[in-house]
């Protein structure tokens, strides 16, 4: 799979989120972008190992948020928001940078973003072009060294 065909929703099977009870890292798991509302009801879970707070998606109130690029489904927040797209919990891997907000659903998502930034930096020397889901400030090769450092710190969080 080309990095250019990867979407944020490819990383929602397990997401690192902030526990709303204790503020520790917790997990939302079982999500599938192409799943029906009924499938998500049956499969989605939230769990925090720090305080043992747990939720099943089928037992929670649903909400719908709208984003410029999102595609809403029954009871699911659209992709490209800075929260998990099901429960709406804050993402664990999220930080302000000098250029804008940088976030990822999990470590694999962080690595994919880092790889894409590195490829864009290399591409400037090869004069190649390709599509990317990164914001313009993250696509600028002048920002790549700084953004790679930010991503490396975020992985250690």
Protein backbone atom coordinates (compact mmCIF):
# COMPACT_ATOMS: atom_id res chain seq x y z
CA UNK A 1 0.00 0.00 0.00
CA UNK A 2 1.37 3.37 -0.95
CA UNK A 3 1.66 5.97 1.79
CA UNK A 4 -0.49 8.19 -0.42
CA UNK A 5 -3.39 5.76 -0.21
CA UNK A 6 -3.37 5.61 3.60
CA UNK A 7 -6.21 7.45 5.30
CA UNK A 8 -6.65 8.45 8.95
CA UNK A 9 -9.50 5.94 9.20
CA UNK A 10 -7.01 3.13 8.49
CA UNK A 11 -5.81 3.54 12.09
CA UNK A 12 -9.08 3.38 14.04
CA UNK A 13 -9.02 -0.32 14.97
CA UNK A 14 -7.19 0.64 18.17
CA UNK A 15 -6.78 4.26 19.25
CA UNK A 16 -4.85 5.75 22.15
CA UNK A 17 -7.06 8.21 24.01
CA UNK A 18 -7.09 10.18 27.26
CA UNK A 19 -9.21 8.52 29.93
CA UNK A 20 -11.96 10.96 30.91
CA UNK A 21 -11.82 9.71 34.54
CA UNK A 22 -8.09 9.62 35.38
CA UNK A 23 -6.40 11.37 32.40
CA UNK A 24 -4.10 8.35 31.78
CA UNK A 25 -3.62 6.71 28.41
CA UNK A 26 -6.51 4.41 27.56
CA UNK A 27 -7.71 2.58 24.45
CA UNK A 28 -10.70 2.57 22.14
CA UNK A 29 -10.68 -0.64 20.14
CA UNK A 30 -12.80 -2.60 17.71
CA UNK A 31 -13.58 0.28 15.35
CA UNK A 32 -13.91 -0.14 11.61
CA UNK A 33 -14.55 2.72 9.23
CA UNK A 34 -16.58 0.56 6.85
CA UNK A 35 -18.63 -1.12 9.58
CA UNK A 36 -22.34 -0.55 9.93
CA UNK A 37 -23.73 1.15 13.02
CA UNK A 38 -24.89 -2.26 14.30
CA UNK A 39 -21.42 -3.78 13.82
CA UNK A 40 -19.81 -0.89 15.69
CA UNK A 41 -22.41 -1.24 18.46
CA UNK A 42 -21.35 -4.86 18.93
CA UNK A 43 -17.58 -4.48 18.60
CA UNK A 44 -16.45 -1.11 19.99
CA UNK A 45 -15.01 -0.87 23.49
CA UNK A 46 -13.16 1.63 25.66
CA UNK A 47 -10.84 0.56 28.48
CA UNK A 48 -8.39 2.29 30.82
CA UNK A 49 -5.83 0.04 32.52
CA UNK A 50 -4.98 2.76 35.07
CA UNK A 51 -8.44 3.11 36.67
CA UNK A 52 -10.29 0.14 35.09
CA UNK A 53 -12.92 2.44 33.60
CA UNK A 54 -14.64 0.59 30.74
CA UNK A 55 -17.40 1.34 28.28
CA UNK A 56 -19.16 -0.55 25.55
CA UNK A 57 -20.15 1.57 22.59
CA UNK A 58 -23.67 0.16 22.52
CA UNK A 59 -24.27 1.55 26.03
CA UNK A 60 -23.24 5.14 25.29
CA UNK A 61 -25.17 8.11 23.91
CA UNK A 62 -24.31 8.78 20.27
CA UNK A 63 -23.46 12.11 18.75
CA UNK A 64 -22.56 13.37 15.33
CA UNK A 65 -20.02 16.06 14.56
CA UNK A 66 -19.29 17.60 11.20
CA UNK A 67 -15.96 18.39 9.66
CA UNK A 68 -15.05 19.89 6.35
CA UNK A 69 -13.63 16.64 4.96
CA UNK A 70 -15.55 14.04 6.96
CA UNK A 71 -18.13 11.51 5.90
CA UNK A 72 -20.56 10.99 8.76
CA UNK A 73 -22.24 7.67 9.43
CA UNK A 74 -24.94 6.75 11.92
CA UNK A 75 -23.74 7.83 15.34
CA UNK A 76 -20.09 8.12 14.33
CA UNK A 77 -17.99 11.24 14.44
CA UNK A 78 -16.34 11.90 11.13
CA UNK A 79 -12.62 11.37 10.56
CA UNK A 80 -10.10 14.19 10.75
CA UNK A 81 -11.26 15.50 14.11
CA UNK A 82 -8.94 15.67 17.10
CA UNK A 83 -10.84 13.04 19.07
CA UNK A 84 -11.62 9.40 18.62
CA UNK A 85 -14.40 9.08 16.03
CA UNK A 86 -16.73 7.02 18.25
CA UNK A 87 -16.73 8.06 21.91
CA UNK A 88 -15.32 11.54 21.23
CA UNK A 89 -12.48 11.18 23.78
CA UNK A 90 -9.36 13.33 23.40
CA UNK A 91 -6.51 11.65 21.53
CA UNK A 92 -3.42 10.72 23.55
CA UNK A 93 -1.05 11.55 20.70
CA UNK A 94 -1.84 15.22 20.18
CA UNK A 95 0.36 18.30 20.48
CA UNK A 96 0.54 21.90 19.39
CA UNK A 97 3.44 22.72 17.09
CA UNK A 98 4.76 26.05 15.90
CA UNK A 99 2.65 25.57 12.75
CA UNK A 100 -0.54 23.87 13.91
CA UNK A 101 -2.00 20.90 15.75
CA UNK A 102 -0.35 17.53 15.13
CA UNK A 103 -2.28 14.40 16.12
CA UNK A 104 -2.47 10.67 15.52
CA UNK A 105 -4.77 7.85 16.55
CA UNK A 106 -1.94 5.53 17.66
CA UNK A 107 1.80 4.85 17.29
CA UNK A 108 1.38 3.25 13.86
CA UNK A 109 -0.39 6.41 12.72
CA UNK A 110 2.51 8.50 14.14
CA UNK A 111 5.00 6.36 12.22
CA UNK A 112 3.01 6.74 9.00
CA UNK A 113 2.95 10.53 9.43
CA UNK A 114 6.68 10.57 10.14
CA UNK A 115 7.35 8.41 7.07
CA UNK A 116 5.24 10.68 4.90
CA UNK A 117 7.07 13.80 6.12
CA UNK A 118 10.42 12.11 5.46
CA UNK A 119 9.29 11.09 1.96
CA UNK A 120 8.15 14.64 1.21
CA UNK A 121 11.55 15.93 2.30
CA UNK A 122 13.28 13.46 -0.03
CA UNK A 123 10.88 14.24 -2.88
CA UNK A 124 11.90 17.91 -2.89
CA UNK A 125 15.33 16.80 -4.11
CA UNK A 126 13.86 14.45 -6.71
CA UNK A 127 11.22 16.87 -8.00
CA UNK A 128 8.42 14.33 -7.65
CA UNK A 129 4.84 14.98 -6.72
CA UNK A 130 2.18 12.95 -4.98
CA UNK A 131 -0.99 13.43 -3.01
CA UNK A 132 -0.91 13.71 0.76
CA UNK A 133 -3.42 14.11 3.56
CA UNK A 134 -1.04 16.25 5.60
CA UNK A 135 -1.80 19.94 6.08
CA UNK A 136 0.26 22.31 3.94
CA UNK A 137 2.50 23.37 6.83
CA UNK A 138 3.44 19.72 7.42
CA UNK A 139 4.17 19.21 3.71
CA UNK A 140 6.71 22.06 3.66
CA UNK A 141 10.19 20.47 3.59
CA UNK A 142 11.54 23.43 5.60
CA UNK A 143 9.45 22.23 8.56
CA UNK A 144 10.35 18.54 8.28
CA UNK A 145 13.27 18.39 10.74
CA UNK A 146 11.25 20.19 13.40
CA UNK A 147 8.18 18.00 12.80
CA UNK A 148 10.22 14.79 12.94
CA UNK A 149 11.55 15.89 16.36
CA UNK A 150 8.01 16.64 17.56
CA UNK A 151 6.83 13.22 16.36
CA UNK A 152 9.73 11.44 18.09
CA UNK A 153 8.82 13.15 21.39
CA UNK A 154 5.15 12.31 20.90
CA UNK A 155 5.94 8.59 20.43
CA UNK A 156 7.65 8.60 23.85
CA UNK A 157 4.64 10.15 25.57
